[in-house]
Amino acid sequence: MRSSMLERSIRFALAGQLAVALVFGALAPTAKAQEGPPATKKGSVADTLHGNVIADPYRWLEDQEAADTREWIDAQNTYTEALLDVVPGREAIKARLTELMKVDVVGMPTEAGGRYFFSKRLKDQDQYVIYMREGIEGADQVLIDPHTMSEDHSTSVEMLGVSDDGTLLVYGIQQGGEDEMEIRFLDVDTREDLKDRLESGRYFGVSLTPDKKGFYYSHFTFLGGRVYYHEMGTDPANDEMIFGEGYGPDKL
């Protein structure tokens, strides 16, 4: 669950090779393979949507930090490794995928106030870093580096918007690949976050007003999608809802 993109790709490639090998008899099924994967317990959670009861017996797995979830992940990984360890050519596959995937990647830049904002991940990095240039020929300046936010580099950041004058950056922070993110605002000149922030949740857009005195945002709640307006310097709990009243959770 916490593995890197490279590790996941290697496992996917090896799993495909293992399936082919087993089908054509190149590998004899191990005792571990014959046992089958570890059992997964089922919960009793159910939701009622439009009069229909929808069972969700595996929702307990959504809590990645729960002891039961970590135990399940460890058991599944142990079983998977027991199968993949017997695949011939594993190191060759790993070496080739590493060669193909360990490359620098740069995202589409955004220009504002003569400044260029963009995300970049170097070949030896796990996550994208948010940069800025003063002018198209300027030097790359690091604004937000998620690698300093967690020891295992499971925290990522996403650039969500920039003010028209290029002095305010909106970005989101996600933990361990969760859908939810925390929204923050960086004063580009001082490199300090503003006190205004939105707690972790599912957001689908943040739009600053031209005068930077507030912003509009879409928030998906348990009641459904809602559009709010936040005035800078105020408590988000008092944000005005602009749109969404009466829409249920089936509407984003």
C-alpha atoms as a PDB file:
ATOM      1  CA  MET A   1       0.000   0.000   0.000  1.00  0.00           C
ATOM      2  CA  ARG A   2       2.946   2.318   0.620  1.00  0.00           C
ATOM      3  CA  SER A   3       5.159   1.043  -2.206  1.00  0.00           C
ATOM      4  CA  SER A   4       6.576   3.388  -4.847  1.00  0.00           C
ATOM      5  CA  MET A   5       5.364   3.607  -8.445  1.00  0.00           C
ATOM      6  CA  LEU A   6       8.469   1.697  -9.552  1.00  0.00           C
ATOM      7  CA  GLU A   7       7.870  -1.102  -7.052  1.00  0.00           C
ATOM      8  CA  ARG A   8       4.225  -1.405  -8.111  1.00  0.00           C
ATOM      9  CA  SER A   9       5.210  -1.571 -11.788  1.00  0.00           C
ATOM     10  CA  ILE A  10       7.787  -4.266 -11.084  1.00  0.00           C
ATOM     11  CA  ARG A  11       5.229  -6.324  -9.180  1.00  0.00           C
ATOM     12  CA  PHE A  12       2.701  -5.894 -11.987  1.00  0.00           C
ATOM     13  CA  ALA A  13       5.211  -7.012 -14.605  1.00  0.00           C
ATOM     14  CA  LEU A  14       6.320  -9.984 -12.525  1.00  0.00           C
ATOM     15  CA  ALA A  15       2.727 -10.986 -11.826  1.00  0.00           C
ATOM     16  CA  GLY A  16       2.058 -11.062 -15.566  1.00  0.00           C
ATOM     17  CA  GLN A  17       5.153 -13.144 -16.186  1.00  0.00           C
ATOM     18  CA  LEU A  18       4.176 -15.499 -13.375  1.00  0.00           C
ATOM     19  CA  ALA A  19       0.679 -15.984 -14.853  1.00  0.00           C
ATOM     20  CA  VAL A  20       2.140 -16.846 -18.255  1.00  0.00           C
ATOM     21  CA  ALA A  21       4.659 -19.229 -16.711  1.00  0.00           C
ATOM     22  CA  LEU A  22       2.004 -21.061 -14.726  1.00  0.00           C
ATOM     23  CA  VAL A  23      -0.333 -21.346 -17.714  1.00  0.00           C
ATOM     24  CA  PHE A  24       2.352 -22.906 -19.901  1.00  0.00           C
ATOM     25  CA  GLY A  25       3.767 -25.083 -17.147  1.00  0.00           C
ATOM     26  CA  ALA A  26       7.131 -23.348 -16.920  1.00  0.00           C
ATOM     27  CA  LEU A  27       6.737 -23.154 -13.157  1.00  0.00           C
ATOM     28  CA  ALA A  28       5.234 -25.730 -10.861  1.00  0.00           C
ATOM     29  CA  PRO A  29       2.725 -24.221  -8.422  1.00  0.00           C
ATOM     30  CA  THR A  30       4.333 -23.921  -5.010  1.00  0.00           C
ATOM     31  CA  ALA A  31       2.698 -25.145  -1.827  1.00  0.00           C
ATOM     32  CA  LYS A  32       2.067 -21.522  -0.942  1.00  0.00           C
ATOM     33  CA  ALA A  33       0.297 -20.954  -4.262  1.00  0.00           C
ATOM     34  CA  GLN A  34      -1.868 -24.018  -3.722  1.00  0.00           C
ATOM     35  CA  GLU A  35      -2.942 -22.673  -0.352  1.00  0.00           C
ATOM     36  CA  GLY A  36      -4.343 -19.542  -1.980  1.00  0.00           C
ATOM     37  CA  PRO A  37      -4.169 -15.956  -0.704  1.00  0.00           C
ATOM     38  CA  PRO A  38      -4.814 -15.137   2.968  1.00  0.00           C
ATOM     39  CA  ALA A  39      -8.484 -14.847   3.858  1.00  0.00           C
ATOM     40  CA  THR A  40     -10.041 -11.386   4.110  1.00  0.00           C
ATOM     41  CA  LYS A  41     -12.637 -10.813   6.784  1.00  0.00           C
ATOM     42  CA  LYS A  42     -15.927  -9.148   5.873  1.00  0.00           C
ATOM     43  CA  GLY A  43     -17.529  -6.351   7.857  1.00  0.00           C
ATOM     44  CA  SER A  44     -21.209  -5.523   8.202  1.00  0.00           C
ATOM     45  CA  VAL A  45     -21.180  -1.951   6.843  1.00  0.00           C
ATOM     46  CA  ALA A  46     -23.991  -1.061   4.429  1.00  0.00           C
ATOM     47  CA  ASP A  47     -25.334   2.176   2.934  1.00  0.00           C
ATOM     48  CA  THR A  48     -28.803   2.927   1.612  1.00  0.00           C
ATOM     49  CA  LEU A  49     -28.748   4.896  -1.648  1.00  0.00           C
ATOM     50  CA  HIS A  50     -32.011   5.753  -3.413  1.00  0.00           C
ATOM     51  CA  GLY A  51     -33.752   3.019  -1.444  1.00  0.00           C
ATOM     52  CA  ASN A  52     -31.176   0.370  -2.321  1.00  0.00           C
ATOM     53  CA  VAL A  53     -29.002  -1.236   0.333  1.00  0.00           C
ATOM     54  CA  ILE A  54     -25.363  -1.358  -0.814  1.00  0.00           C
ATOM     55  CA  ALA A  55     -23.111  -3.634   1.217  1.00  0.00           C
ATOM     56  CA  ASP A  56     -19.522  -2.493   1.745  1.00  0.00           C
ATOM     57  CA  PRO A  57     -17.904  -5.366   3.681  1.00  0.00           C
ATOM     58  CA  TYR A  58     -14.333  -4.230   3.061  1.00  0.00           C
ATOM     59  CA  ARG A  59     -14.612  -0.613   4.159  1.00  0.00           C
ATOM     60  CA  TRP A  60     -12.470  -1.391   7.201  1.00  0.00           C
ATOM     61  CA  LEU A  61      -9.490  -1.598   4.807  1.00  0.00           C
ATOM     62  CA  GLU A  62      -9.804   2.125   4.060  1.00  0.00           C
ATOM     63  CA  ASP A  63      -8.148   2.889   7.407  1.00  0.00           C
ATOM     64  CA  GLN A  64      -4.564   2.164   6.393  1.00  0.00           C
ATOM     65  CA  GLU A  65      -3.163   2.861   9.844  1.00  0.00           C
ATOM     66  CA  ALA A  66      -5.466   0.426  11.690  1.00  0.00           C
ATOM     67  CA  ALA A  67      -3.738  -2.630  13.146  1.00  0.00           C
ATOM     68  CA  ASP A  68      -6.090  -5.004  11.296  1.00  0.00           C
ATOM     69  CA  THR A  69      -5.360  -3.287   7.968  1.00  0.00           C
ATOM     70  CA  ARG A  70      -1.585  -3.358   8.465  1.00  0.00           C
ATOM     71  CA  GLU A  71      -1.766  -7.051   9.391  1.00  0.00           C
ATOM     72  CA  TRP A  72      -3.820  -7.787   6.251  1.00  0.00           C
ATOM     73  CA  ILE A  73      -1.379  -5.847   4.032  1.00  0.00           C
ATOM     74  CA  ASP A  74       1.625  -7.668   5.511  1.00  0.00           C
ATOM     75  CA  ALA A  75      -0.038 -11.066   4.978  1.00  0.00           C
ATOM     76  CA  GLN A  76      -0.958 -10.264   1.378  1.00  0.00           C
ATOM     77  CA  ASN A  77       2.544  -8.980   0.626  1.00  0.00           C
ATOM     78  CA  THR A  78       4.115 -12.098   2.135  1.00  0.00           C
ATOM     79  CA  TYR A  79       1.909 -14.314  -0.045  1.00  0.00           C
ATOM     80  CA  THR A  80       2.619 -12.248  -3.160  1.00  0.00           C
ATOM     81  CA  GLU A  81       6.376 -12.316  -2.601  1.00  0.00           C
ATOM     82  CA  ALA A  82       6.288 -16.091  -2.137  1.00  0.00           C
ATOM     83  CA  LEU A  83       4.855 -16.342  -5.662  1.00  0.00           C
ATOM     84  CA  LEU A  84       7.031 -13.714  -7.308  1.00  0.00           C
ATOM     85  CA  ASP A  85      10.296 -14.922  -5.773  1.00  0.00           C
ATOM     86  CA  VAL A  86      10.250 -18.012  -8.003  1.00  0.00           C
ATOM     87  CA  VAL A  87       9.865 -16.049 -11.244  1.00  0.00           C
ATOM     88  CA  PRO A  88      13.064 -16.244 -13.326  1.00  0.00           C
ATOM     89  CA  GLY A  89      14.560 -13.011 -14.614  1.00  0.00           C
ATOM     90  CA  ARG A  90      13.188 -10.885 -11.795  1.00  0.00           C
ATOM     91  CA  GLU A  91      16.358  -8.815 -11.408  1.00  0.00           C
ATOM     92  CA  ALA A  92      16.515  -8.233 -15.163  1.00  0.00           C
ATOM     93  CA  ILE A  93      12.929  -6.953 -15.172  1.00  0.00           C
ATOM     94  CA  LYS A  94      13.663  -4.690 -12.207  1.00  0.00           C
ATOM     95  CA  ALA A  95      16.779  -3.299 -13.857  1.00  0.00           C
ATOM     96  CA  ARG A  96      14.983  -2.562 -17.139  1.00  0.00           C
ATOM     97  CA  LEU A  97      11.942  -0.942 -15.504  1.00  0.00           C
ATOM     98  CA  THR A  98      14.223   1.138 -13.309  1.00  0.00           C
ATOM     99  CA  GLU A  99      16.046   2.324 -16.428  1.00  0.00           C
ATOM    100  CA  LEU A 100      12.762   3.257 -18.131  1.00  0.00           C
ATOM    101  CA  MET A 101      11.059   4.914 -15.172  1.00  0.00           C
ATOM    102  CA  LYS A 102      13.940   6.708 -13.478  1.00  0.00           C
ATOM    103  CA  VAL A 103      13.710   9.817 -15.665  1.00  0.00           C
ATOM    104  CA  ASP A 104      13.106  13.495 -14.955  1.00  0.00           C
ATOM    105  CA  VAL A 105       9.489  14.590 -15.463  1.00  0.00           C
ATOM    106  CA  VAL A 106       8.254  18.189 -15.723  1.00  0.00           C
ATOM    107  CA  GLY A 107       4.599  19.238 -15.588  1.00  0.00           C
ATOM    108  CA  MET A 108       2.835  21.942 -17.593  1.00  0.00           C
ATOM    109  CA  PRO A 109       3.871  25.416 -16.328  1.00  0.00           C
ATOM    110  CA  THR A 110       1.497  28.189 -15.280  1.00  0.00           C
ATOM    111  CA  GLU A 111       2.459  31.837 -15.892  1.00  0.00           C
ATOM    112  CA  ALA A 112       1.317  34.567 -13.525  1.00  0.00           C
ATOM    113  CA  GLY A 113       2.831  38.005 -12.981  1.00  0.00           C
ATOM    114  CA  GLY A 114       5.881  37.137 -15.071  1.00  0.00           C
ATOM    115  CA  ARG A 115       6.553  34.083 -12.922  1.00  0.00           C
ATOM    116  CA  TYR A 116       6.373  30.471 -14.070  1.00  0.00           C
ATOM    117  CA  PHE A 117       5.078  27.808 -11.686  1.00  0.00           C
ATOM    118  CA  PHE A 118       5.435  24.099 -12.374  1.00  0.00           C
ATOM    119  CA  SER A 119       5.925  20.662 -10.826  1.00  0.00           C
ATOM    120  CA  LYS A 120       9.003  18.552 -11.446  1.00  0.00           C
ATOM    121  CA  ARG A 121      10.180  15.128 -10.282  1.00  0.00           C
ATOM    122  CA  LEU A 122      13.828  14.238 -10.770  1.00  0.00           C
ATOM    123  CA  LYS A 123      14.762  10.672 -11.653  1.00  0.00           C
ATOM    124  CA  ASP A 124      16.006   9.968  -8.131  1.00  0.00           C
ATOM    125  CA  GLN A 125      12.944  11.441  -6.383  1.00  0.00           C
ATOM    126  CA  ASP A 126       9.729   9.766  -5.230  1.00  0.00           C
ATOM    127  CA  GLN A 127       7.418  12.799  -5.400  1.00  0.00           C
ATOM    128  CA  TYR A 128       6.863  15.915  -7.496  1.00  0.00           C
ATOM    129  CA  VAL A 129       8.307  19.176  -6.147  1.00  0.00           C
ATOM    130  CA  ILE A 130       6.680  22.560  -6.870  1.00  0.00           C
ATOM    131  CA  TYR A 131       9.037  25.114  -8.449  1.00  0.00           C
ATOM    132  CA  MET A 132       8.961  28.717  -9.638  1.00  0.00           C
ATOM    133  CA  ARG A 133      11.019  30.730 -12.122  1.00  0.00           C
ATOM    134  CA  GLU A 134      11.314  34.518 -12.236  1.00  0.00           C
ATOM    135  CA  GLY A 135      10.832  34.881 -15.986  1.00  0.00           C
ATOM    136  CA  ILE A 136      11.173  32.147 -18.583  1.00  0.00           C
ATOM    137  CA  GLU A 137      14.995  32.176 -18.350  1.00  0.00           C
ATOM    138  CA  GLY A 138      15.108  32.341 -14.549  1.00  0.00           C
ATOM    139  CA  ALA A 139      16.630  29.710 -12.292  1.00  0.00           C
ATOM    140  CA  ASP A 140      14.414  27.002 -10.821  1.00  0.00           C
ATOM    141  CA  GLN A 141      13.427  27.863  -7.242  1.00  0.00           C
ATOM    142  CA  VAL A 142      11.927  25.246  -4.927  1.00  0.00           C
ATOM    143  CA  LEU A 143       8.663  26.382  -3.354  1.00  0.00           C
ATOM    144  CA  ILE A 144       7.227  23.177  -1.883  1.00  0.00           C
ATOM    145  CA  ASP A 145       9.225  19.969  -1.378  1.00  0.00           C
ATOM    146  CA  PRO A 146       7.080  17.091  -0.035  1.00  0.00           C
ATOM    147  CA  HIS A 147      10.121  14.902   0.654  1.00  0.00           C
ATOM    148  CA  THR A 148      10.695  16.889   3.851  1.00  0.00           C
ATOM    149  CA  MET A 149       7.151  16.215   5.072  1.00  0.00           C
ATOM    150  CA  SER A 150       7.428  12.466   5.756  1.00  0.00           C
ATOM    151  CA  GLU A 151      10.277  10.036   6.373  1.00  0.00           C
ATOM    152  CA  ASP A 152       8.929   7.441   3.918  1.00  0.00           C
ATOM    153  CA  HIS A 153       8.123  10.042   1.220  1.00  0.00           C
ATOM    154  CA  SER A 154       4.456   9.022   1.244  1.00  0.00           C
ATOM    155  CA  THR A 155       3.300  12.661   1.385  1.00  0.00           C
ATOM    156  CA  SER A 156       2.655  14.382  -1.948  1.00  0.00           C
ATOM    157  CA  VAL A 157       1.748  17.927  -2.994  1.00  0.00           C
ATOM    158  CA  GLU A 158      -0.296  19.262  -5.895  1.00  0.00           C
ATOM    159  CA  MET A 159      -0.350  22.756  -7.362  1.00  0.00           C
ATOM    160  CA  LEU A 160      -3.977  23.929  -7.478  1.00  0.00           C
ATOM    161  CA  GLY A 161      -3.770  27.567  -8.503  1.00  0.00           C
ATOM    162  CA  VAL A 162      -1.835  30.838  -8.566  1.00  0.00           C
ATOM    163  CA  SER A 163      -3.039  34.413  -8.077  1.00  0.00           C
ATOM    164  CA  ASP A 164      -3.023  36.670 -11.135  1.00  0.00           C
ATOM    165  CA  ASP A 165       0.006  38.596  -9.845  1.00  0.00           C
ATOM    166  CA  GLY A 166       1.974  35.449  -9.024  1.00  0.00           C
ATOM    167  CA  THR A 167       2.351  36.224  -5.325  1.00  0.00           C
ATOM    168  CA  LEU A 168       0.021  33.578  -3.880  1.00  0.00           C
ATOM    169  CA  LEU A 169       0.188  29.834  -4.568  1.00  0.00           C
ATOM    170  CA  VAL A 170      -2.628  27.416  -3.753  1.00  0.00           C
ATOM    171  CA  TYR A 171      -1.523  23.834  -3.148  1.00  0.00           C
ATOM    172  CA  GLY A 172      -2.844  20.605  -1.687  1.00  0.00           C
ATOM    173  CA  ILE A 173      -1.171  18.052   0.586  1.00  0.00           C
ATOM    174  CA  GLN A 174      -2.090  14.364   0.411  1.00  0.00           C
ATOM    175  CA  GLN A 175      -1.012  11.622   2.786  1.00  0.00           C
ATOM    176  CA  GLY A 176      -0.223   8.116   1.523  1.00  0.00           C
ATOM    177  CA  GLY A 177      -2.206   8.379  -1.703  1.00  0.00           C
ATOM    178  CA  GLU A 178      -5.501   9.298  -0.009  1.00  0.00           C
ATOM    179  CA  ASP A 179      -8.231  10.993  -2.050  1.00  0.00           C
ATOM    180  CA  GLU A 180      -8.537  13.644   0.654  1.00  0.00           C
ATOM    181  CA  MET A 181      -6.182  16.604   0.728  1.00  0.00           C
ATOM    182  CA  GLU A 182      -5.478  19.608   2.910  1.00  0.00           C
ATOM    183  CA  ILE A 183      -5.555  22.979   1.107  1.00  0.00           C
ATOM    184  CA  ARG A 184      -2.895  25.570   1.940  1.00  0.00           C
ATOM    185  CA  PHE A 185      -1.835  28.996   0.624  1.00  0.00           C
ATOM    186  CA  LEU A 186       1.800  30.025   0.209  1.00  0.00           C
ATOM    187  CA  ASP A 187       3.006  33.625   0.171  1.00  0.00           C
ATOM    188  CA  VAL A 188       5.495  33.236  -2.677  1.00  0.00           C
ATOM    189  CA  ASP A 189       7.606  36.242  -1.653  1.00  0.00           C
ATOM    190  CA  THR A 190       8.067  35.248   2.006  1.00  0.00           C
ATOM    191  CA  ARG A 191       7.852  31.462   1.398  1.00  0.00           C
ATOM    192  CA  GLU A 192       5.482  31.213   4.359  1.00  0.00           C
ATOM    193  CA  ASP A 193       2.008  29.648   4.520  1.00  0.00           C
ATOM    194  CA  LEU A 194      -0.932  31.872   5.330  1.00  0.00           C
ATOM    195  CA  LYS A 195      -3.023  31.033   8.363  1.00  0.00           C
ATOM    196  CA  ASP A 196      -5.945  30.280   6.046  1.00  0.00           C
ATOM    197  CA  ARG A 197      -6.258  26.582   5.185  1.00  0.00           C
ATOM    198  CA  LEU A 198      -8.906  23.959   4.560  1.00  0.00           C
ATOM    199  CA  GLU A 199      -8.712  20.781   6.606  1.00  0.00           C
ATOM    200  CA  SER A 200      -8.305  17.424   4.886  1.00  0.00           C
ATOM    201  CA  GLY A 201     -11.252  16.627   2.619  1.00  0.00           C
ATOM    202  CA  ARG A 202     -12.289  15.914  -0.966  1.00  0.00           C
ATOM    203  CA  TYR A 203     -12.009  19.112  -2.989  1.00  0.00           C
ATOM    204  CA  PHE A 204     -12.594  19.585  -6.711  1.00  0.00           C
ATOM    205  CA  GLY A 205     -11.220  23.029  -7.395  1.00  0.00           C
ATOM    206  CA  VAL A 206     -10.068  26.233  -5.707  1.00  0.00           C
ATOM    207  CA  SER A 207     -10.428  29.608  -7.467  1.00  0.00           C
ATOM    208  CA  LEU A 208      -8.915  32.775  -6.004  1.00  0.00           C
ATOM    209  CA  THR A 209     -10.645  36.114  -6.491  1.00  0.00           C
ATOM    210  CA  PRO A 210      -8.568  38.687  -8.462  1.00  0.00           C
ATOM    211  CA  ASP A 211      -8.013  40.806  -5.317  1.00  0.00           C
ATOM    212  CA  LYS A 212      -6.918  37.711  -3.292  1.00  0.00           C
ATOM    213  CA  LYS A 213      -9.379  38.602  -0.547  1.00  0.00           C
ATOM    214  CA  GLY A 214     -11.101  35.232  -0.829  1.00  0.00           C
ATOM    215  CA  PHE A 215     -11.604  32.116  -2.887  1.00  0.00           C
ATOM    216  CA  TYR A 216     -14.320  29.763  -4.099  1.00  0.00           C
ATOM    217  CA  TYR A 217     -13.997  26.021  -3.701  1.00  0.00           C
ATOM    218  CA  SER A 218     -15.946  22.820  -4.288  1.00  0.00           C
ATOM    219  CA  HIS A 219     -16.111  20.396  -1.372  1.00  0.00           C
ATOM    220  CA  PHE A 220     -17.618  16.915  -1.528  1.00  0.00           C
ATOM    221  CA  THR A 221     -19.262  16.200   1.820  1.00  0.00           C
ATOM    222  CA  PHE A 222     -21.309  13.297   3.171  1.00  0.00           C
ATOM    223  CA  LEU A 223     -24.390  15.245   2.089  1.00  0.00           C
ATOM    224  CA  GLY A 224     -23.080  15.737  -1.443  1.00  0.00           C
ATOM    225  CA  GLY A 225     -21.112  18.277  -3.464  1.00  0.00           C
ATOM    226  CA  ARG A 226     -21.155  21.886  -2.269  1.00  0.00           C
ATOM    227  CA  VAL A 227     -19.573  25.128  -3.525  1.00  0.00           C
ATOM    228  CA  TYR A 228     -18.394  27.584  -0.851  1.00  0.00           C
ATOM    229  CA  TYR A 229     -16.831  31.026  -0.611  1.00  0.00           C
ATOM    230  CA  HIS A 230     -14.102  31.705   1.937  1.00  0.00           C
ATOM    231  CA  GLU A 231     -13.040  35.192   2.964  1.00  0.00           C
ATOM    232  CA  MET A 232      -9.361  35.322   3.879  1.00  0.00           C
ATOM    233  CA  GLY A 233      -8.738  35.666   7.602  1.00  0.00           C
ATOM    234  CA  THR A 234     -12.048  34.118   8.675  1.00  0.00           C
ATOM    235  CA  ASP A 235     -12.968  30.739  10.140  1.00  0.00           C
ATOM    236  CA  PRO A 236     -13.696  28.173   7.359  1.00  0.00           C
ATOM    237  CA  ALA A 237     -16.498  26.812   9.543  1.00  0.00           C
ATOM    238  CA  ASN A 238     -18.401  29.993   8.697  1.00  0.00           C
ATOM    239  CA  ASP A 239     -17.847  29.837   4.926  1.00  0.00           C
ATOM    240  CA  GLU A 240     -20.881  30.767   2.843  1.00  0.00           C
ATOM    241  CA  MET A 241     -22.387  28.000   0.738  1.00  0.00           C
ATOM    242  CA  ILE A 242     -22.927  29.289  -2.804  1.00  0.00           C
ATOM    243  CA  PHE A 243     -24.365  26.234  -4.520  1.00  0.00           C
ATOM    244  CA  GLY A 244     -25.379  22.638  -3.850  1.00  0.00           C
ATOM    245  CA  GLU A 245     -28.238  22.803  -1.383  1.00  0.00           C
ATOM    246  CA  GLY A 246     -30.537  19.821  -1.891  1.00  0.00           C
ATOM    247  CA  TYR A 247     -28.094  17.754  -3.955  1.00  0.00           C
ATOM    248  CA  GLY A 248     -27.276  14.306  -2.538  1.00  0.00           C
ATOM    249  CA  PRO A 249     -24.021  12.336  -2.371  1.00  0.00           C
ATOM    250  CA  ASP A 250     -24.627  11.007  -5.904  1.00  0.00           C
ATOM    251  CA  LYS A 251     -23.760  14.500  -7.208  1.00  0.00           C
ATOM    252  CA  LEU A 252     -20.147  15.706  -7.222  1.00  0.00           C
END
